[in-house]
Amino acid sequence: MKIAFSAAEIQRRETQLIAEGTPLMARASHAIANRVLLCLKQLRGSAYGSRVLILVGPGDNGSDALIAGTLLLERGVAVTAIFPLDREDDQWSKNFFRSGGVKVEDLDAEVDLILDGVFGLRGRNGFAIDLPDALLVSIDLPSGLAADVADPNSLHLHPDITLALGALKQTHLMQDDSCGEIELIDIGLDLNTTEASCVSYEDLDIALLLPQEDQRSHKYQRGTLEVIAGSHLYPGAADLTVGAALKLGIGMVRLNSPEVAESVLRKFPEVVINSGSSTALVVGPGRTSISKEEITYIRSQVSSGKPVLLDAAALEIFEHIPREFRHQVILTPHDGEFQKISGVSKEALLSNRLEVARNFVNQTGVILVLKGSRTLIVAPSTPIAINHSGSLTLATAGSGDVLAGVIGTFLAKGVPPREAAILGVHLHGLAGELIEGSASELIPALLQAREQIE
């Protein structure tokens, strides 16, 4: 599992350690220099005589770069430095120049490696500079991407390697595709994982969430999922939701959608057409509206302790569910739907996706699955889970209907709501990586995806 922390939490811990006399900057700089030396050896066979350009910023990242540059000079590396922004003449720059470092004004000279030390933990979004063609290594974060709220549309450097100092930051998980290879450098922060702001589950972590079933289990022990999905306008949505549940081995599917019952039965004759005893509900895929009678029914089911997933037209139903039961309610909107139910503008969502999602969950008490290229799973009082599985294939009609069936299946099998959402989103993403076609092809790929993590 990858664990990330907010910039504020890391700064708090750094301040505490520095006050205690911990040499964090020396640790970081030596680690950076050693990693650069390894890169140079891999590039040239030897670091001696290599050429490195350091980009020096005005803050601590610039200091790290200067100290690392001084250490490289001591190992026979030719190091030049450019200062894109104003920086005071301090002990680190004086040591660098005394050791043979050279300040340059242009970037025409050929180099083997560029060390980006412009912005780091306290950096801002937006930075651009024309660089020569060379391996680019960023210290802590690519310059131009802020630690907490990175704007992917802002100008920023695109490193081959990012050396994350002490801990992963939120941007390392949200914008990992802008960071190149991310390497965590231990400098002894020893952060408390209970203070983590974000996590990202990997296959081994996901495997631990899978429900364990006995070969002697009967159908009721394997879960019963009630589905209210599909309409005359979108009849196929019910097929996709039901199909996903059946493929993943649900004990029984009850379809409580008379409009599409006949068409679903033609494809899945094992489906039971009525409401009744169930262990979880999925409501909304392919529906254009939810009736008052259905809202009353759903509220009664959730109030009896049953978990429910609400999608599409059913998203707004959560407002009718008492707060004390919302911890078992999962919402699965895409951005447009989320803006509608939250009242948040598109601009606000784009500028601070993590914080907006966290605030919504804190205000409402639900579990939010905010779909996107990095789907977020947000639950009260827990780190946000950022999903890294998936492909462009999932950006297609019906993909969300399959996801609803996948998550609903794990809910029905007794997996707690937050874990069911994390598990379902990850598995759905892996299935998307295995196909190149439509949402219908996701369903047979689900078993292959499950085998991949078991």
Protein backbone atom coordinates (compact mmCIF):
# COMPACT_ATOMS: atom_id res chain seq x y z
CA MET A 1 0.00 0.00 0.00
CA LYS A 2 1.23 3.47 -0.83
CA ILE A 3 0.60 6.05 1.90
CA ALA A 4 0.67 9.82 1.35
CA PHE A 5 0.56 12.74 3.74
CA SER A 6 -0.54 16.35 3.47
CA ALA A 7 2.10 19.05 3.14
CA ALA A 8 0.98 20.50 6.48
CA GLU A 9 1.51 17.21 8.32
CA ILE A 10 4.97 16.75 6.80
CA GLN A 11 5.96 20.32 7.60
CA ARG A 12 4.76 19.86 11.18
CA ARG A 13 6.91 16.77 11.60
CA GLU A 14 9.93 18.36 9.92
CA THR A 15 9.72 21.39 12.20
CA GLN A 16 9.57 19.13 15.23
CA LEU A 17 12.60 17.08 14.16
CA ILE A 18 14.69 20.11 13.20
CA ALA A 19 13.99 21.67 16.61
CA GLU A 20 15.31 18.43 18.13
CA GLY A 21 18.51 18.76 16.11
CA THR A 22 17.81 16.10 13.46
CA PRO A 23 19.94 16.85 10.34
CA LEU A 24 17.15 16.36 7.80
CA MET A 25 18.74 18.47 5.06
CA ALA A 26 22.05 16.63 5.30
CA ARG A 27 20.26 13.27 5.13
CA ALA A 28 18.21 14.34 2.13
CA SER A 29 21.14 15.84 0.23
CA HIS A 30 23.39 12.83 0.71
CA ALA A 31 20.59 10.51 -0.43
CA ILE A 32 19.99 12.68 -3.50
CA ALA A 33 23.68 12.76 -4.38
CA ASN A 34 23.97 8.98 -4.02
CA ARG A 35 20.95 8.41 -6.26
CA VAL A 36 22.37 10.78 -8.90
CA LEU A 37 25.71 8.96 -8.78
CA LEU A 38 23.91 5.68 -9.38
CA CYS A 39 22.06 7.18 -12.36
CA LEU A 40 25.33 8.45 -13.83
CA LYS A 41 26.98 5.06 -13.43
CA GLN A 42 24.04 3.44 -15.19
CA LEU A 43 24.21 6.02 -18.00
CA ARG A 44 27.97 6.15 -18.54
CA GLY A 45 29.52 3.30 -16.63
CA SER A 46 31.20 5.79 -14.29
CA ALA A 47 30.14 8.98 -12.56
CA TYR A 48 33.62 10.52 -12.82
CA GLY A 49 33.72 13.13 -15.56
CA SER A 50 29.94 13.22 -15.96
CA ARG A 51 28.13 16.52 -16.44
CA VAL A 52 25.24 17.53 -14.21
CA LEU A 53 23.11 20.67 -14.33
CA ILE A 54 21.25 21.65 -11.19
CA LEU A 55 18.19 23.90 -11.21
CA VAL A 56 18.33 25.88 -7.98
CA GLY A 57 15.19 27.37 -6.45
CA PRO A 58 14.87 29.92 -3.65
CA GLY A 59 13.89 27.53 -0.84
CA ASP A 60 14.90 24.28 0.82
CA ASN A 61 14.76 22.31 -2.42
CA GLY A 62 17.34 24.65 -3.86
CA SER A 63 19.49 24.11 -0.77
CA ASP A 64 19.18 20.34 -1.18
CA ALA A 65 20.26 20.69 -4.81
CA LEU A 66 23.28 22.85 -3.92
CA ILE A 67 24.47 20.51 -1.18
CA ALA A 68 23.99 17.49 -3.44
CA GLY A 69 25.84 19.35 -6.19
CA THR A 70 28.76 20.02 -3.83
CA LEU A 71 28.92 16.33 -2.94
CA LEU A 72 28.92 15.41 -6.63
CA LEU A 73 31.81 17.80 -7.28
CA GLU A 74 33.80 15.94 -4.64
CA ARG A 75 33.24 12.74 -6.66
CA GLY A 76 34.63 14.18 -9.86
CA VAL A 77 31.38 15.23 -11.48
CA ALA A 78 31.31 18.52 -13.40
CA VAL A 79 28.37 20.44 -11.93
CA THR A 80 26.86 23.63 -13.27
CA ALA A 81 23.92 25.52 -11.78
CA ILE A 82 21.24 27.81 -13.08
CA PHE A 83 19.07 29.95 -10.83
CA PRO A 84 15.67 30.46 -12.54
CA LEU A 85 14.43 32.53 -9.58
CA ASP A 86 16.10 34.93 -7.20
CA ARG A 87 17.97 33.29 -4.35
CA GLU A 88 19.98 34.87 -1.56
CA ASP A 89 23.71 34.16 -1.49
CA ASP A 90 23.88 31.72 1.44
CA GLN A 91 26.31 29.20 2.86
CA TRP A 92 25.11 26.45 0.54
CA SER A 93 25.74 28.44 -2.63
CA LYS A 94 29.12 29.67 -1.30
CA ASN A 95 30.19 26.09 -0.55
CA PHE A 96 29.06 25.02 -3.99
CA PHE A 97 31.10 27.65 -5.80
CA ARG A 98 34.15 27.17 -3.55
CA SER A 99 34.07 23.47 -4.45
CA GLY A 100 34.24 24.23 -8.16
CA GLY A 101 30.60 24.62 -9.10
CA VAL A 102 29.86 26.99 -11.96
CA LYS A 103 26.88 29.25 -12.45
CA VAL A 104 25.52 29.39 -16.00
CA GLU A 105 23.03 31.70 -17.65
CA ASP A 106 22.09 29.64 -20.69
CA LEU A 107 21.19 26.00 -21.23
CA ASP A 108 22.98 25.28 -24.50
CA ALA A 109 25.68 23.01 -23.10
CA GLU A 110 25.22 19.25 -23.22
CA VAL A 111 24.77 17.49 -19.89
CA ASP A 112 24.17 13.91 -18.78
CA LEU A 113 21.66 14.64 -16.02
CA ILE A 114 19.57 17.54 -14.77
CA LEU A 115 18.67 17.79 -11.08
CA ASP A 116 15.47 19.77 -10.52
CA GLY A 117 15.57 21.64 -7.21
CA VAL A 118 13.38 24.64 -8.04
CA PHE A 119 10.23 23.88 -6.04
CA GLY A 120 9.35 21.17 -3.55
CA LEU A 121 7.04 20.71 -0.58
CA ARG A 122 6.17 24.41 -0.36
CA GLY A 123 6.03 24.89 -4.12
CA ARG A 124 3.23 26.18 -6.27
CA ASN A 125 1.55 25.14 -9.48
CA GLY A 126 3.05 26.48 -12.67
CA PHE A 127 6.69 26.51 -13.80
CA ALA A 128 8.36 26.20 -17.18
CA ILE A 129 11.91 26.26 -18.49
CA ASP A 130 13.47 24.96 -21.70
CA LEU A 131 15.92 22.21 -20.82
CA PRO A 132 18.50 20.29 -22.82
CA ASP A 133 17.85 16.64 -23.58
CA ALA A 134 19.06 14.71 -20.55
CA LEU A 135 17.82 12.47 -17.75
CA LEU A 136 15.71 14.67 -15.46
CA VAL A 137 15.56 13.94 -11.72
CA SER A 138 13.24 16.03 -9.55
CA ILE A 139 13.79 16.53 -5.85
CA ASP A 140 10.61 15.69 -3.91
CA LEU A 141 8.16 16.95 -6.58
CA PRO A 142 8.32 18.03 -10.21
CA SER A 143 8.68 21.81 -10.18
CA GLY A 144 5.33 23.32 -11.12
CA LEU A 145 3.20 20.77 -9.23
CA ALA A 146 2.08 21.68 -5.71
CA ALA A 147 2.30 19.00 -3.03
CA ASP A 148 -1.38 18.90 -2.05
CA VAL A 149 -3.33 20.32 -4.97
CA ALA A 150 -1.53 19.75 -8.24
CA ASP A 151 -3.08 21.27 -11.33
CA PRO A 152 -2.37 18.81 -14.17
CA ASN A 153 -3.09 21.53 -16.71
CA SER A 154 -0.46 23.91 -15.33
CA LEU A 155 3.01 24.05 -16.84
CA HIS A 156 5.41 21.80 -14.96
CA LEU A 157 8.54 19.75 -15.44
CA HIS A 158 8.17 16.12 -16.48
CA PRO A 159 10.95 14.20 -14.75
CA ASP A 160 12.11 10.69 -15.49
CA ILE A 161 12.57 10.14 -11.75
CA THR A 162 11.10 11.90 -8.72
CA LEU A 163 12.83 11.43 -5.36
CA ALA A 164 10.11 11.78 -2.73
CA LEU A 165 11.80 12.97 0.44
CA GLY A 166 10.62 11.41 3.69
CA ALA A 167 7.09 10.58 2.59
CA LEU A 168 4.81 10.49 -0.40
CA LYS A 169 2.73 13.62 -0.97
CA GLN A 170 -0.83 13.71 -2.27
CA THR A 171 0.39 14.72 -5.73
CA HIS A 172 2.54 11.59 -5.95
CA LEU A 173 -0.67 9.53 -5.86
CA MET A 174 -2.98 11.87 -7.79
CA GLN A 175 -0.52 12.91 -10.53
CA ASP A 176 1.83 9.95 -10.58
CA ASP A 177 1.87 9.98 -14.37
CA SER A 178 3.53 13.43 -14.21
CA CYS A 179 6.28 12.29 -11.84
CA GLY A 180 8.01 9.55 -13.80
CA GLU A 181 9.42 6.81 -11.59
CA ILE A 182 8.73 7.75 -7.97
CA GLU A 183 11.31 6.67 -5.40
CA LEU A 184 10.70 7.16 -1.69
CA ILE A 185 13.81 8.42 0.12
CA ASP A 186 13.81 7.67 3.85
CA ILE A 187 15.20 10.59 5.86
CA GLY A 188 13.77 9.51 9.20
CA LEU A 189 10.49 11.42 9.40
CA ASP A 190 8.79 8.40 11.02
CA LEU A 191 5.33 9.77 10.31
CA ASN A 192 2.36 8.21 12.06
CA THR A 193 0.31 6.36 9.47
CA THR A 194 -2.87 7.30 11.32
CA GLU A 195 -2.23 10.86 10.09
CA ALA A 196 -2.11 9.81 6.42
CA SER A 197 -4.32 11.81 4.08
CA CYS A 198 -4.38 9.40 1.13
CA VAL A 199 -3.62 5.78 0.30
CA SER A 200 -3.38 3.70 -2.83
CA TYR A 201 -4.06 -0.02 -2.68
CA GLU A 202 -1.97 -2.45 -4.70
CA ASP A 203 -2.88 -5.98 -5.79
CA LEU A 204 -1.55 -7.62 -2.61
CA ASP A 205 -3.59 -5.26 -0.44
CA ILE A 206 -6.70 -5.86 -2.55
CA ALA A 207 -6.33 -9.62 -2.22
CA LEU A 208 -6.76 -9.28 1.54
CA LEU A 209 -10.15 -7.62 1.01
CA LEU A 210 -11.61 -10.41 -1.11
CA PRO A 211 -14.39 -12.30 0.69
CA GLN A 212 -13.43 -15.86 1.61
CA GLU A 213 -16.03 -18.47 0.73
CA ASP A 214 -16.28 -22.08 1.77
CA GLN A 215 -16.83 -24.70 -0.94
CA ARG A 216 -19.83 -25.87 1.09
CA SER A 217 -21.52 -22.45 1.08
CA HIS A 218 -25.09 -22.38 -0.20
CA LYS A 219 -26.58 -19.60 -2.29
CA TYR A 220 -27.86 -17.51 0.59
CA GLN A 221 -24.44 -17.56 2.22
CA ARG A 222 -22.93 -16.17 -1.00
CA GLY A 223 -25.08 -13.07 -0.80
CA THR A 224 -28.32 -11.86 -2.35
CA LEU A 225 -28.23 -8.62 -4.30
CA GLU A 226 -31.38 -6.67 -5.06
CA VAL A 227 -31.09 -4.51 -8.17
CA ILE A 228 -33.31 -1.59 -9.17
CA ALA A 229 -31.90 -0.64 -12.54
CA GLY A 230 -32.72 -0.08 -16.19
CA SER A 231 -35.52 1.74 -17.97
CA HIS A 232 -37.19 1.88 -21.37
CA LEU A 233 -34.55 4.40 -22.40
CA TYR A 234 -31.59 2.46 -20.98
CA PRO A 235 -32.62 -1.20 -20.70
CA GLY A 236 -29.06 -2.50 -21.12
CA ALA A 237 -27.90 -0.95 -17.85
CA ALA A 238 -29.74 -3.63 -15.88
CA ASP A 239 -28.10 -6.35 -17.99
CA LEU A 240 -24.64 -4.98 -17.23
CA THR A 241 -25.23 -4.59 -13.49
CA VAL A 242 -26.84 -8.01 -13.14
CA GLY A 243 -24.28 -9.66 -15.43
CA ALA A 244 -21.37 -8.36 -13.37
CA ALA A 245 -22.90 -9.67 -10.15
CA LEU A 246 -23.58 -13.10 -11.60
CA LYS A 247 -20.08 -13.36 -13.07
CA LEU A 248 -18.52 -12.69 -9.66
CA GLY A 249 -20.49 -15.47 -8.02
CA ILE A 250 -23.35 -13.78 -6.21
CA GLY A 251 -25.69 -16.32 -4.62
CA MET A 252 -28.83 -14.69 -6.04
CA VAL A 253 -29.89 -11.55 -7.90
CA ARG A 254 -33.37 -10.17 -7.29
CA LEU A 255 -34.39 -7.71 -10.00
CA ASN A 256 -36.95 -5.20 -8.76
CA SER A 257 -37.45 -3.40 -12.09
CA PRO A 258 -40.62 -4.43 -13.93
CA GLU A 259 -39.83 -2.25 -16.97
CA VAL A 260 -36.84 -4.36 -17.96
CA ALA A 261 -37.62 -7.69 -16.29
CA GLU A 262 -38.50 -9.50 -19.50
CA SER A 263 -35.36 -8.43 -21.37
CA VAL A 264 -33.08 -9.28 -18.43
CA LEU A 265 -34.68 -12.71 -18.04
CA ARG A 266 -33.98 -13.51 -21.67
CA LYS A 267 -30.26 -13.10 -21.00
CA PHE A 268 -30.15 -14.28 -17.39
CA PRO A 269 -32.93 -16.77 -16.63
CA GLU A 270 -31.50 -17.41 -13.16
CA VAL A 271 -32.50 -13.92 -11.99
CA VAL A 272 -35.42 -13.74 -9.55
CA ILE A 273 -37.97 -11.09 -10.54
CA ASN A 274 -39.24 -9.52 -7.34
CA SER A 275 -38.19 -7.73 -4.22
CA GLY A 276 -37.57 -9.73 -1.10
CA SER A 277 -34.90 -10.81 1.31
CA SER A 278 -31.48 -9.52 0.26
CA THR A 279 -28.15 -8.55 1.82
CA ALA A 280 -27.49 -5.41 -0.27
CA LEU A 281 -29.11 -3.13 -2.84
CA VAL A 282 -27.93 -1.45 -6.01
CA VAL A 283 -30.22 1.34 -7.17
CA GLY A 284 -30.08 3.63 -10.16
CA PRO A 285 -28.02 2.34 -13.11
CA GLY A 286 -29.91 3.22 -16.28
CA ARG A 287 -32.80 4.78 -14.40
CA THR A 288 -34.09 8.19 -15.45
CA SER A 289 -36.07 8.73 -12.25
CA ILE A 290 -36.87 7.15 -8.90
CA SER A 291 -40.47 7.14 -7.68
CA LYS A 292 -41.61 8.27 -4.23
CA GLU A 293 -42.65 4.70 -3.47
CA GLU A 294 -39.18 3.44 -4.38
CA ILE A 295 -37.54 6.11 -2.22
CA THR A 296 -39.68 5.05 0.73
CA TYR A 297 -38.78 1.41 0.12
CA ILE A 298 -35.06 2.12 -0.18
CA ARG A 299 -35.07 4.24 2.95
CA SER A 300 -36.73 1.44 4.89
CA GLN A 301 -34.19 -1.10 3.63
CA VAL A 302 -31.20 1.05 4.57
CA SER A 303 -32.73 1.92 7.93
CA SER A 304 -32.96 -1.80 8.65
CA GLY A 305 -29.17 -2.04 8.34
CA LYS A 306 -28.80 -2.99 4.69
CA PRO A 307 -25.99 -1.39 2.63
CA VAL A 308 -26.95 0.31 -0.63
CA LEU A 309 -25.18 1.66 -3.68
CA LEU A 310 -26.84 4.64 -5.36
CA ASP A 311 -25.99 5.57 -8.94
CA ALA A 312 -27.26 7.86 -11.69
CA ALA A 313 -30.85 9.04 -11.04
CA ALA A 314 -30.76 7.52 -7.55
CA LEU A 315 -27.82 9.61 -6.30
CA GLU A 316 -29.97 12.28 -4.67
CA ILE A 317 -31.85 9.67 -2.62
CA PHE A 318 -29.17 9.84 0.06
CA GLU A 319 -30.79 13.06 1.31
CA HIS A 320 -33.87 11.03 2.29
CA ILE A 321 -31.81 8.59 4.38
CA PRO A 322 -31.27 9.47 8.06
CA ARG A 323 -27.71 10.54 8.84
CA GLU A 324 -27.12 7.67 11.24
CA PHE A 325 -27.49 5.15 8.39
CA ARG A 326 -25.47 6.94 5.72
CA HIS A 327 -22.22 5.18 6.64
CA GLN A 328 -23.59 2.22 4.66
CA VAL A 329 -24.59 4.31 1.62
CA ILE A 330 -22.23 4.40 -1.37
CA LEU A 331 -22.62 7.07 -4.07
CA THR A 332 -20.94 6.52 -7.46
CA PRO A 333 -21.14 9.77 -9.45
CA HIS A 334 -18.98 11.01 -12.27
CA ASP A 335 -17.92 14.66 -12.14
CA GLY A 336 -21.08 16.11 -13.67
CA GLU A 337 -23.35 14.15 -11.36
CA PHE A 338 -21.22 15.08 -8.37
CA GLN A 339 -21.48 18.77 -9.20
CA LYS A 340 -25.24 18.40 -9.28
CA ILE A 341 -25.63 16.65 -5.92
CA SER A 342 -22.99 18.73 -4.13
CA GLY A 343 -23.60 22.17 -5.64
CA VAL A 344 -19.84 22.50 -6.24
CA SER A 345 -18.75 24.25 -9.42
CA LYS A 346 -16.70 22.56 -12.12
CA GLU A 347 -13.87 25.01 -11.45
CA ALA A 348 -13.81 24.25 -7.72
CA LEU A 349 -13.77 20.50 -8.35
CA LEU A 350 -10.93 20.76 -10.85
CA SER A 351 -8.87 23.03 -8.62
CA ASN A 352 -9.04 20.90 -5.47
CA ARG A 353 -10.60 17.51 -6.13
CA LEU A 354 -9.40 15.82 -2.95
CA GLU A 355 -10.51 18.56 -0.60
CA VAL A 356 -13.89 19.03 -2.29
CA ALA A 357 -14.60 15.30 -2.07
CA ARG A 358 -13.47 15.14 1.56
CA ASN A 359 -15.65 18.11 2.53
CA PHE A 360 -18.71 16.59 0.85
CA VAL A 361 -18.30 13.31 2.74
CA ASN A 362 -17.72 15.08 6.04
CA GLN A 363 -20.90 17.09 5.51
CA THR A 364 -23.12 14.22 4.37
CA GLY A 365 -21.75 11.11 6.07
CA VAL A 366 -21.91 8.94 2.93
CA ILE A 367 -19.18 6.97 1.19
CA LEU A 368 -18.26 8.63 -2.10
CA VAL A 369 -16.83 6.90 -5.17
CA LEU A 370 -15.94 9.87 -7.37
CA LYS A 371 -15.26 8.33 -10.76
CA GLY A 372 -12.48 9.59 -13.00
CA SER A 373 -9.03 8.75 -14.33
CA ARG A 374 -8.01 8.51 -10.67
CA THR A 375 -11.20 7.39 -8.98
CA LEU A 376 -11.46 8.48 -5.35
CA ILE A 377 -13.04 6.40 -2.60
CA VAL A 378 -13.83 8.74 0.28
CA ALA A 379 -15.31 7.75 3.62
CA PRO A 380 -15.64 9.71 6.88
CA SER A 381 -12.60 9.75 9.21
CA THR A 382 -10.37 7.63 6.96
CA PRO A 383 -7.68 8.41 4.36
CA ILE A 384 -8.92 8.93 0.83
CA ALA A 385 -8.21 5.88 -1.33
CA ILE A 386 -6.91 6.79 -4.79
CA ASN A 387 -7.37 4.04 -7.35
CA HIS A 388 -4.55 3.43 -9.83
CA SER A 389 -5.97 0.56 -11.87
CA GLY A 390 -7.86 1.16 -15.10
CA SER A 391 -7.47 2.34 -18.67
CA LEU A 392 -9.15 4.55 -21.25
CA THR A 393 -11.40 1.59 -22.07
CA LEU A 394 -13.41 2.39 -18.95
CA ALA A 395 -14.41 5.78 -20.35
CA THR A 396 -17.31 4.23 -22.23
CA ALA A 397 -21.07 3.94 -21.89
CA GLY A 398 -22.10 1.21 -19.47
CA SER A 399 -18.81 0.97 -17.62
CA GLY A 400 -20.38 2.52 -14.51
CA ASP A 401 -23.26 0.04 -14.63
CA VAL A 402 -20.76 -2.81 -14.46
CA LEU A 403 -18.96 -1.09 -11.58
CA ALA A 404 -22.23 -0.83 -9.66
CA GLY A 405 -22.75 -4.58 -10.02
CA VAL A 406 -19.21 -5.33 -8.91
CA ILE A 407 -19.34 -3.19 -5.77
CA GLY A 408 -22.87 -4.35 -5.03
CA THR A 409 -21.73 -7.97 -5.16
CA PHE A 410 -19.05 -7.40 -2.52
CA LEU A 411 -21.54 -5.50 -0.35
CA ALA A 412 -23.94 -8.42 -0.59
CA LYS A 413 -21.15 -10.82 0.37
CA GLY A 414 -20.59 -8.90 3.60
CA VAL A 415 -17.55 -6.79 2.74
CA PRO A 416 -17.78 -3.46 4.67
CA PRO A 417 -18.90 -0.56 2.44
CA ARG A 418 -15.59 1.35 2.20
CA GLU A 419 -13.62 -1.84 1.54
CA ALA A 420 -16.25 -3.07 -0.94
CA ALA A 421 -15.89 0.17 -2.88
CA ILE A 422 -12.07 0.02 -2.87
CA LEU A 423 -12.12 -3.64 -3.91
CA GLY A 424 -14.76 -3.13 -6.60
CA VAL A 425 -13.12 -0.09 -8.16
CA HIS A 426 -9.71 -1.78 -8.28
CA LEU A 427 -11.06 -5.01 -9.78
CA HIS A 428 -13.16 -3.09 -12.30
CA GLY A 429 -10.04 -1.14 -13.29
CA LEU A 430 -7.98 -4.30 -13.77
CA ALA A 431 -10.70 -5.71 -16.00
CA GLY A 432 -10.54 -2.51 -18.04
CA GLU A 433 -6.82 -3.06 -18.59
CA LEU A 434 -7.53 -6.48 -20.08
CA ILE A 435 -9.93 -5.41 -22.84
CA GLU A 436 -10.05 -2.97 -25.72
CA GLY A 437 -13.76 -2.96 -26.46
CA SER A 438 -17.10 -2.06 -24.89
CA ALA A 439 -18.49 -2.29 -21.37
CA SER A 440 -20.02 -5.69 -22.15
CA GLU A 441 -16.51 -7.10 -22.51
CA LEU A 442 -15.69 -6.03 -18.96
CA ILE A 443 -17.94 -8.72 -17.49
CA PRO A 444 -16.01 -11.81 -18.69
CA ALA A 445 -12.75 -10.00 -17.88
CA LEU A 446 -13.75 -9.68 -14.22
CA LEU A 447 -12.83 -13.28 -13.41
CA GLN A 448 -9.43 -12.91 -15.08
CA ALA A 449 -8.88 -9.72 -13.09
CA ARG A 450 -9.81 -11.50 -9.88
CA GLU A 451 -7.41 -14.34 -10.64
CA GLN A 452 -4.67 -11.76 -11.14
CA ILE A 453 -4.92 -10.58 -7.54
CA GLU A 454 -5.78 -13.83 -5.77
